Protein backbone atom coordinates (compact mmCIF):
# COMPACT_ATOMS: atom_id res chain seq x y z
CA LYS A 1 105.74 124.27 92.31
CA VAL A 2 104.47 121.39 94.43
CA ASP A 3 106.65 122.14 97.45
CA GLU A 4 109.97 123.82 98.17
CA ASP A 5 112.48 122.42 95.62
CA VAL A 6 109.84 120.03 94.18
CA TYR A 7 108.26 120.89 90.83
CA TYR A 8 105.66 119.35 88.55
CA VAL A 9 107.19 119.21 85.06
CA GLY A 10 104.74 116.78 83.44
CA SER A 11 102.12 117.22 80.76
CA ARG A 12 98.34 117.21 80.46
CA HIS A 13 96.87 115.40 77.49
CA TRP A 14 93.52 117.13 77.44
CA ASP A 15 92.05 115.46 74.36
CA ARG A 16 93.50 111.94 74.36
CA PRO A 17 90.43 109.80 73.60
CA ILE A 18 91.71 106.28 74.33
CA PHE A 19 94.53 104.55 76.23
CA ASP A 20 96.25 101.32 75.17
CA GLU A 21 93.80 101.32 72.24
CA LEU A 22 91.28 99.96 74.75
CA LEU A 23 90.39 102.32 77.60
CA GLU A 24 88.20 105.35 76.96
CA LEU A 25 89.43 108.60 78.47
CA PRO A 26 86.37 110.83 79.04
CA LYS A 27 88.50 113.34 81.02
CA GLY A 28 91.75 112.95 79.08
CA THR A 29 94.86 112.10 81.09
CA SER A 30 98.14 113.47 82.36
CA TYR A 31 101.72 112.20 82.46
CA ASN A 32 103.17 113.34 85.75
CA SER A 33 106.89 114.00 86.03
CA TYR A 34 108.50 115.68 89.02
CA LEU A 35 111.80 117.49 89.52
CA ILE A 36 113.54 117.44 92.91
CA SER A 37 116.44 119.84 93.49
CA GLY A 38 118.82 118.87 96.28
CA SER A 39 121.77 120.88 97.57
CA GLN A 40 124.17 118.68 95.56
CA LYS A 41 122.17 116.64 93.06
CA THR A 42 118.98 116.93 90.98
CA ALA A 43 116.57 114.09 90.25
CA LEU A 44 113.75 113.72 87.74
CA ILE A 45 111.00 111.32 88.88
CA ASP A 46 109.64 109.57 85.76
CA SER A 47 109.21 111.19 82.37
CA VAL A 48 106.18 111.55 80.07
CA ASP A 49 104.64 109.84 77.08
CA PRO A 50 106.89 110.36 74.04
CA CYS A 51 104.14 112.30 72.25
CA LYS A 52 104.57 114.99 74.94
CA LYS A 53 108.35 114.96 75.33
CA HIS A 54 108.58 118.49 73.90
CA GLU A 55 106.43 119.73 76.79
CA LEU A 56 108.63 118.03 79.39
CA LEU A 57 111.78 119.54 77.86
CA ARG A 58 110.09 122.96 77.64
CA ASN A 59 109.11 122.76 81.32
CA LEU A 60 112.71 121.98 82.25
CA ASP A 61 113.79 124.99 80.19
CA VAL A 62 111.27 127.22 81.99
CA LEU A 63 112.88 126.19 85.29
CA ASN A 64 116.32 126.77 83.75
CA VAL A 65 117.42 123.25 84.65
CA LYS A 66 121.07 123.04 83.62
CA ASN A 67 121.80 119.65 85.08
CA ILE A 68 119.96 116.42 85.93
CA ASP A 69 121.97 113.79 87.75
CA TYR A 70 119.36 111.08 88.15
CA ILE A 71 116.31 110.00 86.17
CA ILE A 72 114.24 107.77 88.44
CA ALA A 73 112.26 105.18 86.46
CA ASN A 74 109.49 103.81 88.67
CA HIS A 75 107.89 101.87 85.82
CA ALA A 76 108.96 100.88 82.29
CA GLU A 77 105.65 101.46 80.51
CA GLN A 78 106.16 104.06 77.80
CA ASP A 79 103.63 106.61 79.05
CA HIS A 80 106.07 107.13 81.95
CA SER A 81 109.40 106.11 80.47
CA GLY A 82 109.04 107.00 76.80
CA SER A 83 110.79 110.38 77.02
CA ILE A 84 113.79 109.11 79.00
CA PRO A 85 115.95 108.86 75.82
CA ALA A 86 115.23 112.53 75.03
CA VAL A 87 116.14 113.57 78.58
CA LEU A 88 119.36 111.51 78.42
CA GLU A 89 120.25 113.23 75.18
CA ARG A 90 119.66 116.66 76.75
CA TYR A 91 121.52 115.73 79.96
CA PRO A 92 124.25 113.24 78.93
CA GLN A 93 125.69 112.97 82.45
CA ALA A 94 122.38 111.69 83.88
CA LYS A 95 121.97 108.12 85.13
CA VAL A 96 118.73 106.15 84.93
CA VAL A 97 118.09 104.91 88.46
CA THR A 98 115.86 101.87 88.69
CA ASN A 99 115.67 98.20 89.68
CA GLU A 100 117.07 95.28 87.72
CA LYS A 101 113.72 94.18 86.27
CA CYS A 102 112.87 97.68 85.10
CA LYS A 103 116.33 98.09 83.57
CA SER A 104 115.80 94.97 81.47
CA LEU A 105 112.43 96.22 80.24
CA LEU A 106 113.75 99.70 79.45
CA ILE A 107 116.56 98.22 77.37
CA ASP A 108 114.02 96.11 75.46
CA LEU A 109 111.42 98.85 75.03
CA LEU A 110 113.58 101.96 74.53
CA ASP A 111 117.02 100.62 73.55
CA ILE A 112 118.78 102.53 76.35
CA ASN A 113 122.45 101.63 76.67
CA GLU A 114 123.28 99.49 79.68
CA ASP A 115 125.99 101.88 80.87
CA ARG A 116 123.40 104.62 81.47
CA PHE A 117 121.84 102.76 84.42
CA MET A 118 122.33 102.80 88.18
CA ILE A 119 120.68 99.77 89.80
CA ILE A 120 119.06 100.00 93.23
CA ASN A 121 117.39 97.47 95.54
CA ASP A 122 114.33 97.61 97.76
CA ASN A 123 114.72 100.19 100.58
CA ASP A 124 118.00 101.54 99.19
CA THR A 125 118.54 105.27 99.57
CA LEU A 126 120.10 107.89 97.33
CA SER A 127 121.38 111.24 98.57
CA LEU A 128 120.75 114.51 96.76
CA GLY A 129 122.71 116.39 99.46
CA ASP A 130 120.10 117.81 101.79
CA LYS A 131 117.43 115.41 100.49
CA THR A 132 117.21 111.63 100.55
CA LEU A 133 115.33 109.35 98.18
CA GLN A 134 114.23 105.93 99.44
CA PHE A 135 113.15 103.25 96.96
CA VAL A 136 110.11 101.18 97.87
CA PHE A 137 109.38 98.19 95.64
CA THR A 138 105.68 97.69 94.88
CA PRO A 139 105.66 94.73 92.44
CA TRP A 140 102.61 93.98 90.33
CA VAL A 141 101.04 97.39 90.78
CA HIS A 142 100.54 96.84 87.91
CA TRP A 143 103.72 95.47 86.24
CA PRO A 144 106.33 93.21 87.91
CA GLU A 145 108.99 95.93 88.13
CA THR A 146 106.93 98.80 89.56
CA MET A 147 108.26 100.78 92.51
CA SER A 148 107.71 104.05 94.38
CA VAL A 149 110.11 106.73 95.58
CA TYR A 150 109.89 108.32 99.02
CA LEU A 151 111.38 111.77 99.62
CA VAL A 152 112.34 111.17 103.23
CA GLU A 153 112.70 114.71 104.57
CA LYS A 154 109.32 115.83 103.18
CA LYS A 155 107.52 112.46 103.51
CA MET A 156 106.38 112.74 99.89
CA LEU A 157 105.66 109.45 98.08
CA PHE A 158 105.94 109.28 94.28
CA THR A 159 103.88 106.23 93.26
CA CYS A 160 103.70 106.24 89.44
CA ASP A 161 100.60 104.22 88.40
CA PHE A 162 99.71 103.30 92.00
CA PHE A 163 96.83 105.65 93.08
CA GLY A 164 96.69 107.17 89.59
CA SER A 165 93.69 108.47 87.66
CA HIS A 166 93.15 109.35 84.03
CA ILE A 167 92.24 113.00 84.53
CA ALA A 168 93.61 116.04 82.76
CA THR A 169 93.11 119.03 85.05
CA SER A 170 94.84 122.29 85.85
CA LYS A 171 93.96 121.69 89.52
CA ILE A 172 97.02 119.63 90.33
CA PHE A 173 96.03 119.09 93.96
CA GLY A 174 93.06 116.90 94.80
CA PRO A 175 90.41 116.37 95.85
CA LYS A 176 89.01 119.86 95.25
CA ASP A 177 86.26 118.24 93.19
CA GLU A 178 85.91 115.15 95.37
CA LYS A 179 83.40 113.32 93.14
CA LEU A 180 85.44 113.88 89.97
CA VAL A 181 88.64 112.71 91.64
CA TYR A 182 87.03 109.68 93.31
CA GLU A 183 85.31 108.48 90.14
CA GLY A 184 88.45 109.04 88.05
CA ALA A 185 90.57 107.07 90.52
CA LYS A 186 87.96 104.30 90.77
CA ARG A 187 87.75 103.95 87.01
CA TYR A 188 91.54 103.80 86.80
CA TYR A 189 91.63 101.15 89.52
CA ALA A 190 88.86 99.15 87.83
CA GLU A 191 90.43 99.13 84.39
CA ILE A 192 94.10 98.73 85.33
CA MET A 193 94.66 97.74 88.95
CA MET A 194 91.75 95.43 89.82
CA PRO A 195 93.37 92.23 88.48
CA PHE A 196 96.18 92.82 91.01
CA ARG A 197 93.95 93.33 94.05
CA LYS A 198 95.81 90.83 96.21
CA ASN A 199 99.17 92.40 95.35
CA ILE A 200 97.82 95.83 96.22
CA GLN A 201 96.67 94.55 99.62
CA LYS A 202 100.33 93.80 100.41
CA ASN A 203 101.76 96.97 98.90
CA ILE A 204 99.30 99.35 100.51
CA GLN A 205 100.63 98.22 103.90
CA LYS A 206 104.03 99.59 102.87
CA VAL A 207 102.41 102.91 102.01
CA GLU A 208 100.63 103.15 105.36
CA GLU A 209 103.83 102.34 107.25
CA LEU A 210 105.54 105.28 105.53
CA ASN A 211 102.64 107.58 106.55
CA PRO A 212 103.26 109.98 103.65
CA SER A 213 102.37 113.65 103.88
CA MET A 214 101.58 113.69 100.16
CA ILE A 215 101.02 111.09 97.43
CA LEU A 216 102.18 112.07 93.96
CA PRO A 217 101.06 109.58 91.28
CA GLY A 218 102.07 109.31 87.65
CA HIS A 219 98.59 110.19 86.33
CA GLY A 220 95.96 112.58 87.66
CA VAL A 221 96.00 114.74 90.79
CA VAL A 222 98.44 115.02 93.67
CA TYR A 223 96.96 114.07 97.04
CA LYS A 224 97.76 116.51 99.84
CA ASN A 225 95.39 114.40 101.92
CA PRO A 226 96.74 110.89 101.21
CA GLN A 227 94.14 109.25 103.47
CA PHE A 228 91.44 110.12 100.91
CA ILE A 229 92.89 107.83 98.24
CA ILE A 230 94.28 105.25 100.69
CA ASP A 231 90.82 104.75 102.23
CA ALA A 232 89.25 104.47 98.77
CA TYR A 233 91.75 101.81 97.76
CA LYS A 234 91.26 99.89 100.99
CA LYS A 235 87.53 99.66 100.23
CA TRP A 236 88.09 98.55 96.64
CA ILE A 237 90.71 95.92 97.46
CA SER A 238 88.80 94.48 100.42
CA ASP A 239 86.72 91.33 100.06
CA ASN A 240 83.54 93.28 100.89
CA VAL A 241 80.89 93.63 98.19
CA ASP A 242 77.80 95.81 97.89
CA ASN A 243 74.15 94.83 97.56
CA GLU A 244 74.23 95.33 93.80
CA ALA A 245 73.44 93.18 90.77
CA LEU A 246 74.83 94.28 87.42
CA ILE A 247 72.86 93.05 84.42
CA ILE A 248 75.02 93.25 81.31
CA TYR A 249 72.83 92.66 78.29
CA ILE A 250 72.21 93.02 74.60
CA SER A 251 68.95 92.36 72.77
CA MET A 252 68.36 92.09 69.03
CA HIS A 253 64.59 91.67 68.77
CA GLY A 254 63.40 92.54 72.26
CA SER A 255 62.95 89.16 73.96
CA THR A 256 66.12 89.33 76.06
CA LYS A 257 65.36 92.94 77.01
CA GLU A 258 61.94 91.86 78.31
CA LEU A 259 63.70 89.40 80.60
CA VAL A 260 66.17 92.07 81.74
CA ASP A 261 63.46 94.61 82.50
CA TYR A 262 61.46 92.03 84.43
CA LEU A 263 64.57 90.90 86.38
CA SER A 264 65.47 94.50 87.23
CA ASP A 265 62.02 95.15 88.67
CA ALA A 266 62.00 91.83 90.53
CA LEU A 267 65.40 92.57 92.10
CA ILE A 268 64.27 96.01 93.22
CA GLU A 269 61.20 94.44 94.85
CA GLN A 270 63.53 92.07 96.68
CA GLY A 271 65.64 94.99 97.96
CA VAL A 272 68.60 94.47 95.62
CA TYR A 273 70.06 97.44 93.75
CA ALA A 274 69.78 96.57 90.05
CA ARG A 275 71.97 98.19 87.40
CA PRO A 276 71.23 97.14 83.78
CA TYR A 277 73.87 97.95 81.15
CA ASN A 278 73.01 97.71 77.47
CA ILE A 279 76.42 96.75 76.10
CA ALA A 280 75.44 98.07 72.65
CA GLN A 281 75.47 101.58 74.14
CA SER A 282 77.40 101.42 77.42
CA SER A 283 81.03 102.18 78.16
CA LEU A 284 83.23 99.27 79.21
CA GLY A 285 84.89 101.62 81.68
CA GLU A 286 81.60 102.31 83.45
CA ILE A 287 80.88 98.59 83.65
CA ALA A 288 84.37 97.97 85.04
CA MET A 289 83.76 100.60 87.73
CA ASP A 290 80.57 98.89 88.89
CA LEU A 291 82.28 95.50 88.84
CA VAL A 292 84.61 96.77 91.59
CA ASP A 293 81.94 96.43 94.31
CA ALA A 294 78.96 94.51 92.90
CA ALA A 295 78.05 91.22 94.59
CA THR A 296 76.33 89.77 91.51
CA VAL A 297 76.73 90.03 87.76
CA ILE A 298 74.21 88.70 85.24
CA PHE A 299 75.00 88.22 81.55
CA ALA A 300 71.94 88.41 79.30
CA SER A 301 72.13 87.64 75.60
CA PRO A 302 70.25 86.28 72.61
CA PHE A 303 71.84 83.54 70.54
CA VAL A 304 73.66 84.50 67.34
CA LEU A 305 74.77 81.69 65.02
CA ALA A 306 74.28 79.10 67.78
CA GLY A 307 76.21 81.12 70.36
CA VAL A 308 75.75 84.22 72.51
CA HIS A 309 76.21 87.68 71.05
CA PRO A 310 79.91 88.53 70.46
CA LYS A 311 79.63 91.73 72.51
CA ILE A 312 78.53 89.74 75.55
CA ILE A 313 81.48 87.37 75.09
CA THR A 314 83.77 90.41 74.95
CA THR A 315 82.33 91.73 78.20
CA ALA A 316 82.57 88.33 79.90
CA TYR A 317 86.19 88.09 78.75
CA LEU A 318 86.87 91.56 80.18
CA ALA A 319 85.28 90.67 83.53
CA ASN A 320 87.35 87.49 83.60
CA ALA A 321 90.55 89.45 82.94
CA LEU A 322 89.74 92.12 85.56
CA ARG A 323 89.02 89.47 88.24
CA PRO A 324 86.55 91.45 90.37
CA LYS A 325 85.58 90.23 93.84
CA THR A 326 82.05 89.46 92.60
CA LYS A 327 80.49 86.56 94.52
CA PHE A 328 77.65 85.40 92.26
CA ALA A 329 76.92 85.21 88.53
CA GLY A 330 74.01 84.29 86.31
CA ILE A 331 73.19 83.80 82.64
CA ILE A 332 69.83 84.55 81.01
CA GLY A 333 68.55 85.09 77.48
CA SER A 334 66.50 83.96 74.55
CA PHE A 335 67.24 81.61 71.64
CA GLY A 336 65.57 80.54 68.42
CA TRP A 337 66.61 77.02 67.45
CA GLY A 338 69.38 76.22 69.95
CA GLY A 339 73.12 76.49 70.56
CA LYS A 340 75.79 76.49 73.24
CA GLY A 341 75.68 80.06 74.49
CA VAL A 342 75.74 79.17 78.18
CA GLU A 343 78.95 77.21 77.76
CA HIS A 344 80.52 80.10 75.85
CA ILE A 345 79.96 82.47 78.77
CA LYS A 346 80.99 79.96 81.43
CA ASN A 347 84.25 79.29 79.59
CA ASN A 348 85.04 83.01 79.78
CA LEU A 349 84.53 83.25 83.56
CA THR A 350 87.12 80.74 84.74
CA ASN A 351 89.14 83.34 86.70
CA LEU A 352 86.15 84.40 88.80
CA SER A 353 85.47 82.76 92.14
CA VAL A 354 81.72 82.99 91.71
CA GLU A 355 78.75 80.80 92.50
CA LEU A 356 76.74 80.36 89.31
CA PHE A 357 72.95 80.43 89.39
CA GLU A 358 71.04 78.01 87.21
CA PRO A 359 70.85 79.64 83.74
CA VAL A 360 67.49 80.86 82.52
CA TYR A 361 67.34 80.51 78.73
CA ILE A 362 63.98 80.61 77.00
CA LYS A 363 62.82 79.95 73.47
CA GLY A 364 61.54 82.99 71.66
CA LYS A 365 59.33 85.58 73.34
CA PRO A 366 58.96 85.27 77.15
CA LYS A 367 55.87 83.49 78.39
CA PRO A 368 54.31 83.54 81.88
CA GLU A 369 56.25 80.47 82.99
CA ASP A 370 59.47 82.17 81.83
CA PHE A 371 58.78 85.25 83.93
CA LYS A 372 58.21 82.89 86.87
CA LYS A 373 61.77 81.58 86.38
CA ILE A 374 63.07 85.15 86.40
CA THR A 375 61.16 85.89 89.61
CA ASP A 376 62.73 82.81 91.17
CA LEU A 377 66.20 83.95 90.04
CA ALA A 378 65.66 87.37 91.63
CA LYS A 379 64.71 85.69 94.90
CA GLN A 380 67.77 83.43 94.75
CA ILE A 381 70.00 86.49 94.27
CA ALA A 382 68.36 88.28 97.21
CA ASP A 383 68.71 85.18 99.40
CA LYS A 384 72.42 84.92 98.60
CA HIS A 385 72.91 88.61 99.39
CA LYS A 386 71.19 87.99 102.73
CA GLU A 387 73.44 85.00 103.42
CA ILE A 388 76.58 87.11 103.13
CA GLY A 389 75.08 89.93 105.17
CA ILE A 390 74.67 92.71 102.61
CA LEU A 391 70.86 92.65 102.46
CA GLY A 392 68.77 92.97 105.60
């Protein structure tokens, strides 16, 4: 029971290790589905991943739900919509209520018959008798059809992926463990929402205008204090960056690591927070989280077959796809006989509005003059951080 006549009927996936065959899930995840009982009609807000449809149906049985009139589809992605066919089979009178774009995707993805839909527009309302649902379109958070549902009388906002977090927990209300909730939400934002930062800036205004009493996302915890997650998002989507330099590196025979260690120390001496990540051992999710706020990112790699290491290219490609608000970027490393590694990295950063420092690539083991170049790079980074007002 979330509130009077509002129930959580979703599922926790405690041991799911990976999402979209890409994103690690160190805390598992949940698929949040909510049941709203009105005096005349009953609505189900989203469903669950099809692998957990039996749990959704069991939860409805526990509540002795005899009738569902409306299945609200906020988003067509299968972790939220995948069990809609099973619910329609159980409740044949139910209508899938969604927007035109989402309807088209649901037909393509789940083969739902067109006559099972009820189409709504932005700001339309739907009466459940003593309760009213208002539909709030939030496009590109993070698909083009995404929307939220506002339970007017209780000021509860059901946001699907917006404000979500990949956390499986029996503590449905957050943030009881504030650090766990914040980091889970930030990781979710970094991996899924960050490419749509500008869209979120527009959509979060709609959320603030509604002034919800509670935010109920499609993954993770329910926010009884919505300002907690709204304030976090406003920081992440702002243009402000922190006095941090991420150094994403890999080293095969130690030369590149010597440069990284020297750069880290030189940055610290200059007053810049340095965060090296050995991509051979680090989680892409952790790197994505730090990309949310870092002012500078440095890619450090040896050459392999006349190009940079494939794992560095993968990370550069990921950063390019995530489009962080990073302001500055650099490339350092070591080579043996030559190649075009610098160009390979640059070509994978075309989406980033960054100022590139002069690359520092050395031949073989670092020599005193090479360390001098690294010292100069550290000073350039510090000077740029001072220029934008994040380093005193």
